[in-house]
Amino acid sequence: MTKPLRQTLAVLSKILPSPTRILEIGSLQTKNQKRLANLRTLFPQSQFVGSDIRPGPGVDWVMDAQRLPLNDHSFDLVLCLEVLEHAQKPWEIAKEIARVVKPNGFIIISTQQNFPLHKHPSDYYRFTPYGLLYLFPDFGMKLCFAIAPPFNQEVKLNPQTVVLVASKKPCRKLFNQIKKSLQSNQTNISGHKPYRHRLEHGLKFIKRGLNEAFFRQEIYFFK
């Protein structure tokens, strides 16, 4: 969970109809993520169910999201954040999400396109906005957007985070409100980048530029 994604969810939580029951897929709060990843504080009036394949903080039910032991149409809102890239069969998770969300419910999905390999516990896929949209054909209303720095049009061409908000029920007015609110809150979503990180990333680009003088490709073997 990144700070921009957390701020994005804060914006969405204020606009979407108040959900009675929420399911979060991949709710395990890792050591340095507890404050960011605890989404229950954004929905204090809702019955919040956190699920993951491993037990731990933030997990109410241990289950495989590819085969959810849950009734059809049983949740008003389903959250699946930074999970699909770690699933061996993300299309199966997408089918299960479509099954358990109510016909008038909503889903919020996020994943990554431009991000280093990281194992939680494994790392299999990257999704473009078009790929994420393709996973959810049963949802008629979709708003897909990217979050990334504006340099070299990365937000359009190689975004860090891809987010999908979707509903099976037509609600164009609400989705227009969501889009406007996200646009007006870009500053809050961006947040403050620590100057130490700015310096580190600046030096990385300088090093990359110097390496272009001695450019070569490398080969690395994965087990």
Foldseek 3Di string as FASTA:
>chain_A
DDLLVLLLVLLVLVQDPQWAEEEEEPQAQDDVRVVSSPCCVSRVNHHYAYEYCDDHPRHDYHDDLLDDPDQFQATQEYEYEQPLQQDPCSLSSLVSVNGRHHQFHKYKYKHFFDDDFDPPPGGHDHDDQVRVVVSHPQFPDKDKAADADPPPNCRPVPGGMIMMMTHNDDDVVSVVVSVVSCVVCVDSSVDDDDVVVVVVVVVVVVVVVVCVVVDDDDDDDDD
